[in-house]
Amino acid sequence: MLSVARRLLINEDDARECIQEAYLLAFAKINSFEGRSSFRTWLHRIVVNCALGILRSRKPHNTQSIDDLLPVFDSDGCRIEPTWQFNEPLLKILERNQARDLVHRSIQSLPDTYRIVLMLRDIEGYDTEEVATLLETNTGVIKTRLHRARAALKKQLEPIFGKGEL
């Protein structure tokens, strides 16, 4: 559960505070656990909700633009930057610690609005509707944020992986 909190909150102190709150809440609400899911799933959801609560309480909200991280297209809709070409299989690249750390740092550098959607959808495995519910928005917003987050992440990683520098 701590790793879930760390992925969503980045800051170690915030993650530990989240876990403490989640366990206290779980203890207080244990009688409401109906057993329709596993206990682990129930607790996971409590941790995610606590982490999102901490993110919502932050002032000011991280509203920086993601536009500089997105790919650039010409007037015909064709991508201007060269396409990403692998010099070796992606799985082999990701197995290396250096590459994994780089991907992790790139994800962490995304603005919270996009990073959280990417983490919940692609790492934690929630579906689009669940993420929309957790973030109190609609699925269209989630789909847009996820697409933009993935595009920004790809643009950040292309120069490194595309050149075979790792």
C-alpha atoms as a PDB file:
ATOM      1  CA  MET A   1       0.000   0.000   0.000  1.00  0.00           C
ATOM      2  CA  LEU A   2       2.923   2.333   0.667  1.00  0.00           C
ATOM      3  CA  SER A   3       4.145   1.902  -2.906  1.00  0.00           C
ATOM      4  CA  VAL A   4       0.684   2.874  -4.189  1.00  0.00           C
ATOM      5  CA  ALA A   5       0.749   6.023  -2.064  1.00  0.00           C
ATOM      6  CA  ARG A   6       4.307   6.822  -3.183  1.00  0.00           C
ATOM      7  CA  ARG A   7       3.365   6.522  -6.852  1.00  0.00           C
ATOM      8  CA  LEU A   8       0.454   8.901  -6.469  1.00  0.00           C
ATOM      9  CA  LEU A   9       1.973  11.430  -4.072  1.00  0.00           C
ATOM     10  CA  ILE A  10       5.717  11.402  -4.945  1.00  0.00           C
ATOM     11  CA  ASN A  11       6.673  12.910  -1.565  1.00  0.00           C
ATOM     12  CA  GLU A  12       7.657  10.239   0.985  1.00  0.00           C
ATOM     13  CA  ASP A  13       6.198  12.131   3.958  1.00  0.00           C
ATOM     14  CA  ASP A  14       2.879  12.582   2.150  1.00  0.00           C
ATOM     15  CA  ALA A  15       2.839   8.880   1.254  1.00  0.00           C
ATOM     16  CA  ARG A  16       3.429   7.828   4.858  1.00  0.00           C
ATOM     17  CA  GLU A  17       0.767  10.253   6.086  1.00  0.00           C
ATOM     18  CA  CYS A  18      -1.618   8.799   3.500  1.00  0.00           C
ATOM     19  CA  ILE A  19      -0.987   5.255   4.706  1.00  0.00           C
ATOM     20  CA  GLN A  20      -1.533   6.264   8.304  1.00  0.00           C
ATOM     21  CA  GLU A  21      -4.842   7.945   7.411  1.00  0.00           C
ATOM     22  CA  ALA A  22      -5.905   4.980   5.281  1.00  0.00           C
ATOM     23  CA  TYR A  23      -5.229   2.431   8.002  1.00  0.00           C
ATOM     24  CA  LEU A  24      -7.049   4.528  10.599  1.00  0.00           C
ATOM     25  CA  LEU A  25      -9.998   4.894   8.249  1.00  0.00           C
ATOM     26  CA  ALA A  26      -9.966   1.176   7.421  1.00  0.00           C
ATOM     27  CA  PHE A  27      -9.917   0.332  11.127  1.00  0.00           C
ATOM     28  CA  ALA A  28     -12.821   2.696  11.787  1.00  0.00           C
ATOM     29  CA  LYS A  29     -14.840   1.340   8.838  1.00  0.00           C
ATOM     30  CA  ILE A  30     -13.972  -2.365   9.120  1.00  0.00           C
ATOM     31  CA  ASN A  31     -17.606  -3.161   9.931  1.00  0.00           C
ATOM     32  CA  SER A  32     -18.645  -1.723   6.548  1.00  0.00           C
ATOM     33  CA  PHE A  33     -16.417  -4.191   4.664  1.00  0.00           C
ATOM     34  CA  GLU A  34     -18.948  -6.417   2.895  1.00  0.00           C
ATOM     35  CA  GLY A  35     -16.588  -8.951   1.383  1.00  0.00           C
ATOM     36  CA  ARG A  36     -17.738  -8.293  -2.204  1.00  0.00           C
ATOM     37  CA  SER A  37     -14.071  -7.833  -3.063  1.00  0.00           C
ATOM     38  CA  SER A  38     -10.886  -8.987  -1.413  1.00  0.00           C
ATOM     39  CA  PHE A  39      -9.740  -7.133   1.696  1.00  0.00           C
ATOM     40  CA  ARG A  40      -6.626  -6.057  -0.207  1.00  0.00           C
ATOM     41  CA  THR A  41      -8.737  -4.473  -2.970  1.00  0.00           C
ATOM     42  CA  TRP A  42     -10.877  -2.677  -0.391  1.00  0.00           C
ATOM     43  CA  LEU A  43      -7.793  -1.341   1.393  1.00  0.00           C
ATOM     44  CA  HIS A  44      -6.166  -0.362  -1.929  1.00  0.00           C
ATOM     45  CA  ARG A  45      -9.205   1.753  -2.782  1.00  0.00           C
ATOM     46  CA  ILE A  46      -9.039   3.468   0.620  1.00  0.00           C
ATOM     47  CA  VAL A  47      -5.342   4.299   0.057  1.00  0.00           C
ATOM     48  CA  VAL A  48      -6.075   5.717  -3.413  1.00  0.00           C
ATOM     49  CA  ASN A  49      -8.925   7.828  -2.034  1.00  0.00           C
ATOM     50  CA  CYS A  50      -6.717   9.128   0.810  1.00  0.00           C
ATOM     51  CA  ALA A  51      -3.957  10.020  -1.658  1.00  0.00           C
ATOM     52  CA  LEU A  52      -6.417  11.848  -3.896  1.00  0.00           C
ATOM     53  CA  GLY A  53      -7.723  13.709  -0.847  1.00  0.00           C
ATOM     54  CA  ILE A  54      -4.211  14.876  -0.017  1.00  0.00           C
ATOM     55  CA  LEU A  55      -3.684  16.012  -3.613  1.00  0.00           C
ATOM     56  CA  ARG A  56      -6.983  17.915  -3.611  1.00  0.00           C
ATOM     57  CA  SER A  57      -6.072  19.704  -0.391  1.00  0.00           C
ATOM     58  CA  ARG A  58      -2.835  21.132  -1.783  1.00  0.00           C
ATOM     59  CA  LYS A  59      -2.787  24.831  -2.510  1.00  0.00           C
ATOM     60  CA  PRO A  60      -2.139  25.997  -5.148  1.00  0.00           C
ATOM     61  CA  HIS A  61      -3.032  23.118  -7.419  1.00  0.00           C
ATOM     62  CA  ASN A  62      -0.355  22.029  -9.862  1.00  0.00           C
ATOM     63  CA  THR A  63      -1.824  23.543 -13.028  1.00  0.00           C
ATOM     64  CA  GLN A  64       1.278  23.932 -15.143  1.00  0.00           C
ATOM     65  CA  SER A  65       0.856  23.443 -18.882  1.00  0.00           C
ATOM     66  CA  ILE A  66       1.804  20.175 -20.552  1.00  0.00           C
ATOM     67  CA  ASP A  67       1.915  21.700 -24.057  1.00  0.00           C
ATOM     68  CA  ASP A  68       5.735  21.847 -24.251  1.00  0.00           C
ATOM     69  CA  LEU A  69       5.893  18.102 -23.603  1.00  0.00           C
ATOM     70  CA  LEU A  70       3.486  17.120 -26.393  1.00  0.00           C
ATOM     71  CA  PRO A  71       4.521  16.194 -29.952  1.00  0.00           C
ATOM     72  CA  VAL A  72       4.325  18.893 -32.626  1.00  0.00           C
ATOM     73  CA  PHE A  73       2.237  18.473 -35.799  1.00  0.00           C
ATOM     74  CA  ASP A  74       2.237  20.435 -39.065  1.00  0.00           C
ATOM     75  CA  SER A  75      -0.893  21.959 -40.636  1.00  0.00           C
ATOM     76  CA  ASP A  76      -1.697  18.623 -42.336  1.00  0.00           C
ATOM     77  CA  GLY A  77      -1.670  16.773 -39.018  1.00  0.00           C
ATOM     78  CA  CYS A  78       1.643  15.020 -39.697  1.00  0.00           C
ATOM     79  CA  ARG A  79       4.071  14.736 -36.849  1.00  0.00           C
ATOM     80  CA  ILE A  80       7.090  17.024 -37.245  1.00  0.00           C
ATOM     81  CA  GLU A  81       9.494  15.209 -34.934  1.00  0.00           C
ATOM     82  CA  PRO A  82      11.084  11.996 -36.195  1.00  0.00           C
ATOM     83  CA  THR A  83       9.267   8.849 -35.143  1.00  0.00           C
ATOM     84  CA  TRP A  84      10.539   6.756 -32.300  1.00  0.00           C
ATOM     85  CA  GLN A  85      12.489   3.735 -33.465  1.00  0.00           C
ATOM     86  CA  PHE A  86      13.758   1.079 -31.101  1.00  0.00           C
ATOM     87  CA  ASN A  87      17.305  -0.177 -31.486  1.00  0.00           C
ATOM     88  CA  GLU A  88      16.451  -3.205 -29.338  1.00  0.00           C
ATOM     89  CA  PRO A  89      13.269  -4.762 -27.939  1.00  0.00           C
ATOM     90  CA  LEU A  90      11.422  -2.528 -25.505  1.00  0.00           C
ATOM     91  CA  LEU A  91      11.225  -5.214 -22.816  1.00  0.00           C
ATOM     92  CA  LYS A  92      15.001  -5.552 -22.792  1.00  0.00           C
ATOM     93  CA  ILE A  93      15.387  -1.792 -22.387  1.00  0.00           C
ATOM     94  CA  LEU A  94      12.862  -1.594 -19.548  1.00  0.00           C
ATOM     95  CA  GLU A  95      14.521  -4.441 -17.651  1.00  0.00           C
ATOM     96  CA  ARG A  96      17.538  -2.320 -17.033  1.00  0.00           C
ATOM     97  CA  ASN A  97      17.445  -0.284 -13.849  1.00  0.00           C
ATOM     98  CA  GLN A  98      18.678   2.868 -15.501  1.00  0.00           C
ATOM     99  CA  ALA A  99      15.845   2.837 -18.026  1.00  0.00           C
ATOM    100  CA  ARG A 100      13.262   2.037 -15.379  1.00  0.00           C
ATOM    101  CA  ASP A 101      14.497   4.923 -13.229  1.00  0.00           C
ATOM    102  CA  LEU A 102      14.356   7.271 -16.201  1.00  0.00           C
ATOM    103  CA  VAL A 103      10.785   6.270 -17.005  1.00  0.00           C
ATOM    104  CA  HIS A 104       9.844   6.706 -13.347  1.00  0.00           C
ATOM    105  CA  ARG A 105      11.413  10.171 -13.187  1.00  0.00           C
ATOM    106  CA  SER A 106       9.689  11.160 -16.433  1.00  0.00           C
ATOM    107  CA  ILE A 107       6.311  10.096 -15.070  1.00  0.00           C
ATOM    108  CA  GLN A 108       6.976  11.957 -11.815  1.00  0.00           C
ATOM    109  CA  SER A 109       7.825  15.125 -13.770  1.00  0.00           C
ATOM    110  CA  LEU A 110       4.365  15.294 -15.340  1.00  0.00           C
ATOM    111  CA  PRO A 111       1.954  17.796 -13.798  1.00  0.00           C
ATOM    112  CA  ASP A 112      -0.246  16.172 -11.132  1.00  0.00           C
ATOM    113  CA  THR A 113      -3.364  16.447 -13.286  1.00  0.00           C
ATOM    114  CA  TYR A 114      -1.857  14.165 -15.914  1.00  0.00           C
ATOM    115  CA  ARG A 115       0.420  12.041 -13.724  1.00  0.00           C
ATOM    116  CA  ILE A 116      -2.416  10.911 -11.482  1.00  0.00           C
ATOM    117  CA  VAL A 117      -4.592   9.839 -14.417  1.00  0.00           C
ATOM    118  CA  LEU A 118      -1.659   7.964 -15.979  1.00  0.00           C
ATOM    119  CA  MET A 119      -0.830   6.241 -12.681  1.00  0.00           C
ATOM    120  CA  LEU A 120      -4.411   5.219 -11.943  1.00  0.00           C
ATOM    121  CA  ARG A 121      -5.115   3.947 -15.479  1.00  0.00           C
ATOM    122  CA  ASP A 122      -1.805   2.443 -16.606  1.00  0.00           C
ATOM    123  CA  ILE A 123      -0.094   1.473 -13.354  1.00  0.00           C
ATOM    124  CA  GLU A 124      -2.901   0.810 -10.876  1.00  0.00           C
ATOM    125  CA  GLY A 125      -5.203  -0.709 -13.521  1.00  0.00           C
ATOM    126  CA  TYR A 126      -8.393   1.242 -12.896  1.00  0.00           C
ATOM    127  CA  ASP A 127     -10.692   1.587 -15.892  1.00  0.00           C
ATOM    128  CA  THR A 128     -11.628   4.989 -17.306  1.00  0.00           C
ATOM    129  CA  GLU A 129     -14.978   5.182 -15.506  1.00  0.00           C
ATOM    130  CA  GLU A 130     -13.406   4.305 -12.154  1.00  0.00           C
ATOM    131  CA  VAL A 131     -10.752   6.991 -12.611  1.00  0.00           C
ATOM    132  CA  ALA A 132     -13.433   9.525 -13.538  1.00  0.00           C
ATOM    133  CA  THR A 133     -15.352   8.644 -10.391  1.00  0.00           C
ATOM    134  CA  LEU A 134     -12.249   8.838  -8.191  1.00  0.00           C
ATOM    135  CA  LEU A 135     -11.298  12.221  -9.646  1.00  0.00           C
ATOM    136  CA  GLU A 136     -14.885  13.501  -9.670  1.00  0.00           C
ATOM    137  CA  THR A 137     -14.979  14.280 -13.382  1.00  0.00           C
ATOM    138  CA  ASN A 138     -16.260  12.660 -16.569  1.00  0.00           C
ATOM    139  CA  THR A 139     -14.720   9.989 -18.782  1.00  0.00           C
ATOM    140  CA  GLY A 140     -14.060  12.432 -21.626  1.00  0.00           C
ATOM    141  CA  VAL A 141     -11.767  14.495 -19.405  1.00  0.00           C
ATOM    142  CA  ILE A 142      -9.967  11.351 -18.264  1.00  0.00           C
ATOM    143  CA  LYS A 143      -9.465  10.111 -21.834  1.00  0.00           C
ATOM    144  CA  THR A 144      -8.064  13.485 -22.891  1.00  0.00           C
ATOM    145  CA  ARG A 145      -5.720  13.736 -19.906  1.00  0.00           C
ATOM    146  CA  LEU A 146      -4.537  10.158 -20.378  1.00  0.00           C
ATOM    147  CA  HIS A 147      -3.852  10.701 -24.082  1.00  0.00           C
ATOM    148  CA  ARG A 148      -1.937  13.904 -23.363  1.00  0.00           C
ATOM    149  CA  ALA A 149       0.021  12.308 -20.507  1.00  0.00           C
ATOM    150  CA  ARG A 150       1.050   9.373 -22.698  1.00  0.00           C
ATOM    151  CA  ALA A 151       2.022  11.699 -25.543  1.00  0.00           C
ATOM    152  CA  ALA A 152       4.088  13.884 -23.208  1.00  0.00           C
ATOM    153  CA  LEU A 153       5.795  10.875 -21.687  1.00  0.00           C
ATOM    154  CA  LYS A 154       6.591   9.482 -25.123  1.00  0.00           C
ATOM    155  CA  LYS A 155       8.067  12.797 -26.254  1.00  0.00           C
ATOM    156  CA  GLN A 156      10.242  12.972 -23.130  1.00  0.00           C
ATOM    157  CA  LEU A 157      11.586   9.444 -23.631  1.00  0.00           C
ATOM    158  CA  GLU A 158      11.986   9.372 -27.430  1.00  0.00           C
ATOM    159  CA  PRO A 159      15.294  11.248 -27.571  1.00  0.00           C
ATOM    160  CA  ILE A 160      16.876   8.810 -25.140  1.00  0.00           C
ATOM    161  CA  PHE A 161      15.413   5.488 -26.224  1.00  0.00           C
ATOM    162  CA  GLY A 162      15.350   6.423 -29.905  1.00  0.00           C
ATOM    163  CA  LYS A 163      19.091   7.087 -29.950  1.00  0.00           C
ATOM    164  CA  GLY A 164      19.966   3.934 -28.075  1.00  0.00           C
ATOM    165  CA  GLU A 165      21.761   5.897 -25.350  1.00  0.00           C
ATOM    166  CA  LEU A 166      20.798   3.446 -22.615  1.00  0.00           C
END
